[in-house]
């Protein structure tokens, strides 16, 4: 953002003018716009799934006979009993998305002996299925922040540290998870074909040249009980 001041103000060289410039420079980062400064928008009001829909294989849209997804005490409780997801109704591009998650105790077949697993699928395209063609910010014990490039009609690709991956897993380069049972904060930044994965305030994966840059956002149920809360999105320029 360019900040213009009247010439007579700059010529005075006043302390107040210098302080104003310092404050503004500290408040903004390169590329920010007024729209971006409006802040995050809540995608979950703690009471309903307005703006989302439920997909459970073998059931009509928004049918959930097992109660896999329930709202309890202001959070989305996910039983994990069956592979399924909730999805945003809208598609998004150029945004900062964040949420908090906490593992429960229950695990289900076929993953009852595996690490607890879930994830944020983003840039989802095509008809709904388990799982949609997408990029994934992995949420899994010991692996939160990994990338999965999930194939659908096509195979997504992404360049990380100079290497191009087509489909499959890209391992994060640092681990910032809290122990199971504690709330973890994850953040996803998408700007053009560039992505960033953040866990508890620290970046642990950056990619570029993503083959997909726009789509729905899915939150998974994948064999483990967990909760989601404080789900927000912030448009970026």
Protein backbone atom coordinates (compact mmCIF):
# COMPACT_ATOMS: atom_id res chain seq x y z
CA UNK A 1 0.00 0.00 0.00
CA UNK A 2 1.32 3.49 -0.87
CA UNK A 3 0.74 6.17 1.75
CA UNK A 4 0.74 9.77 0.51
CA UNK A 5 1.15 12.81 2.72
CA UNK A 6 0.87 16.49 1.73
CA UNK A 7 4.25 17.94 0.80
CA UNK A 8 4.01 20.69 3.40
CA UNK A 9 3.58 18.08 6.12
CA UNK A 10 6.65 16.16 5.05
CA UNK A 11 8.69 19.32 4.71
CA UNK A 12 8.13 20.24 8.33
CA UNK A 13 9.86 17.07 9.49
CA UNK A 14 7.79 17.11 12.64
CA UNK A 15 8.12 14.45 15.27
CA UNK A 16 4.41 13.75 14.93
CA UNK A 17 4.80 13.06 11.22
CA UNK A 18 7.71 10.71 11.81
CA UNK A 19 5.78 8.84 14.46
CA UNK A 20 2.77 8.51 12.17
CA UNK A 21 4.90 7.01 9.43
CA UNK A 22 6.47 4.58 11.89
CA UNK A 23 3.10 3.43 13.22
CA UNK A 24 1.63 2.90 9.75
CA UNK A 25 4.70 1.03 8.52
CA UNK A 26 4.58 -1.26 11.53
CA UNK A 27 0.87 -1.96 11.08
CA UNK A 28 1.02 -3.00 7.43
CA UNK A 29 2.87 -5.75 5.65
CA UNK A 30 3.76 -5.69 1.94
CA UNK A 31 0.79 -6.34 -0.30
CA UNK A 32 -1.88 -5.63 2.30
CA UNK A 33 -4.98 -3.81 1.20
CA UNK A 34 -7.82 -2.15 3.06
CA UNK A 35 -9.96 -5.20 2.32
CA UNK A 36 -7.42 -7.49 3.97
CA UNK A 37 -7.33 -5.28 7.06
CA UNK A 38 -11.02 -5.80 7.75
CA UNK A 39 -10.04 -9.01 9.47
CA UNK A 40 -11.27 -12.59 9.54
CA UNK A 41 -14.85 -13.64 8.88
CA UNK A 42 -16.38 -16.37 11.04
CA UNK A 43 -17.45 -19.50 9.14
CA UNK A 44 -19.00 -21.16 12.19
CA UNK A 45 -21.35 -19.41 14.61
CA UNK A 46 -21.23 -22.10 17.29
CA UNK A 47 -24.90 -22.96 16.81
CA UNK A 48 -25.57 -24.18 13.25
CA UNK A 49 -23.75 -25.36 10.14
CA UNK A 50 -25.02 -22.43 8.08
CA UNK A 51 -22.77 -22.08 5.04
CA UNK A 52 -21.72 -25.74 5.20
CA UNK A 53 -23.21 -29.04 4.06
CA UNK A 54 -22.63 -32.61 5.21
CA UNK A 55 -21.43 -35.37 2.90
CA UNK A 56 -21.65 -38.98 4.11
CA UNK A 57 -21.10 -41.65 1.43
CA UNK A 58 -24.29 -43.55 0.67
CA UNK A 59 -26.56 -40.85 2.12
CA UNK A 60 -28.25 -37.83 0.49
CA UNK A 61 -26.65 -34.42 0.90
CA UNK A 62 -27.00 -33.15 4.49
CA UNK A 63 -28.18 -36.55 5.75
CA UNK A 64 -26.15 -37.87 8.69
CA UNK A 65 -27.97 -40.85 10.17
CA UNK A 66 -25.08 -41.76 12.49
CA UNK A 67 -24.69 -38.24 13.88
CA UNK A 68 -21.07 -38.05 12.77
CA UNK A 69 -21.17 -34.25 12.91
CA UNK A 70 -22.86 -32.61 15.89
CA UNK A 71 -22.70 -29.15 17.42
CA UNK A 72 -22.02 -29.42 21.14
CA UNK A 73 -21.07 -26.62 23.53
CA UNK A 74 -20.22 -24.27 20.66
CA UNK A 75 -17.89 -26.65 18.81
CA UNK A 76 -18.29 -29.10 15.94
CA UNK A 77 -17.97 -32.58 17.43
CA UNK A 78 -16.86 -35.22 14.93
CA UNK A 79 -17.35 -38.83 15.98
CA UNK A 80 -15.01 -40.18 13.30
CA UNK A 81 -17.16 -43.30 12.95
CA UNK A 82 -17.23 -43.11 9.16
CA UNK A 83 -15.13 -41.38 6.52
CA UNK A 84 -17.13 -38.25 5.65
CA UNK A 85 -16.81 -34.47 5.65
CA UNK A 86 -18.50 -31.12 5.96
CA UNK A 87 -17.93 -28.71 3.09
CA UNK A 88 -18.32 -25.00 2.54
CA UNK A 89 -21.12 -24.18 0.16
CA UNK A 90 -18.92 -21.53 -1.47
CA UNK A 91 -15.64 -21.75 -3.32
CA UNK A 92 -12.74 -19.61 -2.11
CA UNK A 93 -9.45 -18.31 -3.46
CA UNK A 94 -6.81 -15.95 -2.06
CA UNK A 95 -7.50 -16.27 1.64
CA UNK A 96 -6.22 -17.02 5.12
CA UNK A 97 -8.17 -19.85 6.74
CA UNK A 98 -7.78 -20.92 10.35
CA UNK A 99 -9.33 -23.15 12.96
CA UNK A 100 -8.61 -24.93 16.21
CA UNK A 101 -8.92 -28.69 16.68
CA UNK A 102 -8.68 -31.06 19.63
CA UNK A 103 -8.53 -34.84 19.57
CA UNK A 104 -11.07 -36.94 21.44
CA UNK A 105 -10.54 -40.49 22.71
CA UNK A 106 -12.51 -42.73 20.34
CA UNK A 107 -10.96 -44.37 17.26
CA UNK A 108 -12.76 -46.51 14.69
CA UNK A 109 -11.95 -49.27 12.18
CA UNK A 110 -10.05 -49.41 9.92
CA UNK A 111 -7.85 -46.95 11.82
CA UNK A 112 -8.38 -48.07 15.42
CA UNK A 113 -4.66 -48.91 15.77
CA UNK A 114 -3.33 -46.00 13.69
CA UNK A 115 -2.54 -42.40 14.65
CA UNK A 116 -5.62 -40.20 14.93
CA UNK A 117 -6.33 -38.66 11.54
CA UNK A 118 -8.40 -35.89 9.94
CA UNK A 119 -7.62 -32.94 7.68
CA UNK A 120 -8.53 -29.74 5.88
CA UNK A 121 -9.08 -30.36 2.18
CA UNK A 122 -8.93 -27.13 0.22
CA UNK A 123 -9.28 -26.03 -3.41
CA UNK A 124 -11.75 -28.95 -3.68
CA UNK A 125 -13.20 -29.50 -7.15
CA UNK A 126 -15.47 -31.99 -8.88
CA UNK A 127 -18.38 -34.05 -7.56
CA UNK A 128 -18.34 -34.95 -3.88
CA UNK A 129 -16.71 -38.22 -2.89
CA UNK A 130 -14.26 -39.55 -0.32
CA UNK A 131 -12.01 -37.79 -1.07
CA UNK A 132 -12.42 -34.80 -3.37
CA UNK A 133 -9.68 -33.71 -5.74
CA UNK A 134 -7.85 -31.21 -3.57
CA UNK A 135 -4.83 -30.10 -1.61
CA UNK A 136 -4.83 -31.10 2.05
CA UNK A 137 -3.43 -29.63 5.22
CA UNK A 138 -3.04 -32.88 7.09
CA UNK A 139 -4.32 -33.09 10.65
CA UNK A 140 -2.85 -36.27 12.10
CA UNK A 141 -1.02 -37.10 15.31
CA UNK A 142 2.65 -36.38 14.63
CA UNK A 143 2.05 -35.21 11.07
CA UNK A 144 -0.07 -32.06 11.32
CA UNK A 145 0.91 -29.65 8.57
CA UNK A 146 1.90 -32.29 6.00
CA UNK A 147 0.50 -31.87 2.50
CA UNK A 148 -1.52 -34.48 0.64
CA UNK A 149 -2.18 -33.94 -3.05
CA UNK A 150 -5.42 -35.87 -3.47
CA UNK A 151 -6.35 -37.08 -6.91
CA UNK A 152 -9.81 -36.84 -8.41
CA UNK A 153 -10.38 -36.53 -12.13
CA UNK A 154 -6.84 -35.15 -12.30
CA UNK A 155 -3.77 -35.29 -10.07
CA UNK A 156 -2.83 -32.05 -8.25
CA UNK A 157 0.78 -30.87 -8.23
CA UNK A 158 2.87 -28.52 -6.08
CA UNK A 159 6.49 -27.37 -5.92
CA UNK A 160 8.16 -27.45 -2.49
CA UNK A 161 11.82 -26.54 -1.92
CA UNK A 162 12.48 -26.74 -5.65
CA UNK A 163 10.96 -30.19 -6.13
CA UNK A 164 7.65 -30.72 -7.94
CA UNK A 165 5.30 -33.30 -6.45
CA UNK A 166 2.40 -34.79 -8.42
CA UNK A 167 -0.05 -36.55 -6.14
CA UNK A 168 0.78 -38.12 -2.80
CA UNK A 169 2.36 -36.80 0.37
CA UNK A 170 4.72 -33.90 1.01
CA UNK A 171 6.24 -34.02 4.50
CA UNK A 172 6.40 -30.84 6.59
CA UNK A 173 9.81 -29.61 7.66
CA UNK A 174 9.08 -28.89 11.33
CA UNK A 175 6.74 -30.11 14.06
CA UNK A 176 4.81 -27.71 16.29
CA UNK A 177 1.90 -29.83 17.51
CA UNK A 178 0.64 -29.85 21.07
CA UNK A 179 -0.10 -33.16 22.80
CA UNK A 180 -3.38 -34.96 22.07
CA UNK A 181 -6.21 -33.54 24.14
CA UNK A 182 -4.96 -29.94 23.88
CA UNK A 183 -6.31 -27.37 21.42
CA UNK A 184 -4.09 -26.85 18.36
CA UNK A 185 -4.35 -23.85 16.05
CA UNK A 186 -3.77 -24.40 12.32
CA UNK A 187 -3.71 -21.79 9.59
CA UNK A 188 -3.70 -22.05 5.84
CA UNK A 189 -2.62 -19.16 3.60
CA UNK A 190 -3.46 -19.30 -0.12
CA UNK A 191 -2.43 -16.50 -2.46
CA UNK A 192 -2.48 -17.29 -6.17
CA UNK A 193 -0.60 -20.56 -6.68
CA UNK A 194 1.34 -20.24 -3.41
CA UNK A 195 0.33 -21.95 -0.14
CA UNK A 196 1.55 -21.90 3.45
CA UNK A 197 0.74 -24.29 6.31
CA UNK A 198 1.03 -22.96 9.87
CA UNK A 199 0.69 -24.90 13.14
CA UNK A 200 0.42 -23.07 16.46
CA UNK A 201 1.81 -19.85 15.02
CA UNK A 202 4.78 -21.35 13.16
CA UNK A 203 5.06 -22.12 9.46
CA UNK A 204 5.97 -25.72 8.65
CA UNK A 205 5.41 -26.01 4.90
CA UNK A 206 5.47 -23.58 1.95
CA UNK A 207 4.64 -24.50 -1.63
CA UNK A 208 4.31 -22.76 -4.98
CA UNK A 209 2.99 -23.44 -8.49
CA UNK A 210 -0.05 -25.25 -7.12
CA UNK A 211 -2.08 -26.71 -9.97
CA UNK A 212 -5.32 -25.77 -8.14
CA UNK A 213 -5.95 -22.31 -6.72
CA UNK A 214 -9.68 -22.22 -6.00
CA UNK A 215 -12.41 -24.44 -4.59
CA UNK A 216 -14.47 -25.57 -1.63
CA UNK A 217 -13.04 -26.32 1.82
CA UNK A 218 -13.76 -29.69 3.49
CA UNK A 219 -13.23 -30.72 7.12
CA UNK A 220 -12.74 -34.46 7.44
CA UNK A 221 -14.03 -37.24 9.60
CA UNK A 222 -11.46 -39.99 9.15
CA UNK A 223 -11.69 -42.62 11.85
CA UNK A 224 -10.94 -40.52 14.95
CA UNK A 225 -13.01 -38.42 17.31
CA UNK A 226 -12.15 -34.72 17.37
CA UNK A 227 -13.60 -31.21 17.70
CA UNK A 228 -13.31 -28.11 15.53
CA UNK A 229 -13.89 -24.52 16.67
CA UNK A 230 -13.04 -20.88 15.88
CA UNK A 231 -13.25 -21.41 12.12
CA UNK A 232 -12.49 -18.22 10.18
CA UNK A 233 -11.50 -17.02 6.72
CA UNK A 234 -9.92 -13.72 5.69
CA UNK A 235 -9.85 -12.57 2.05
CA UNK A 236 -6.41 -11.62 0.76
CA UNK A 237 -5.55 -9.31 -2.15
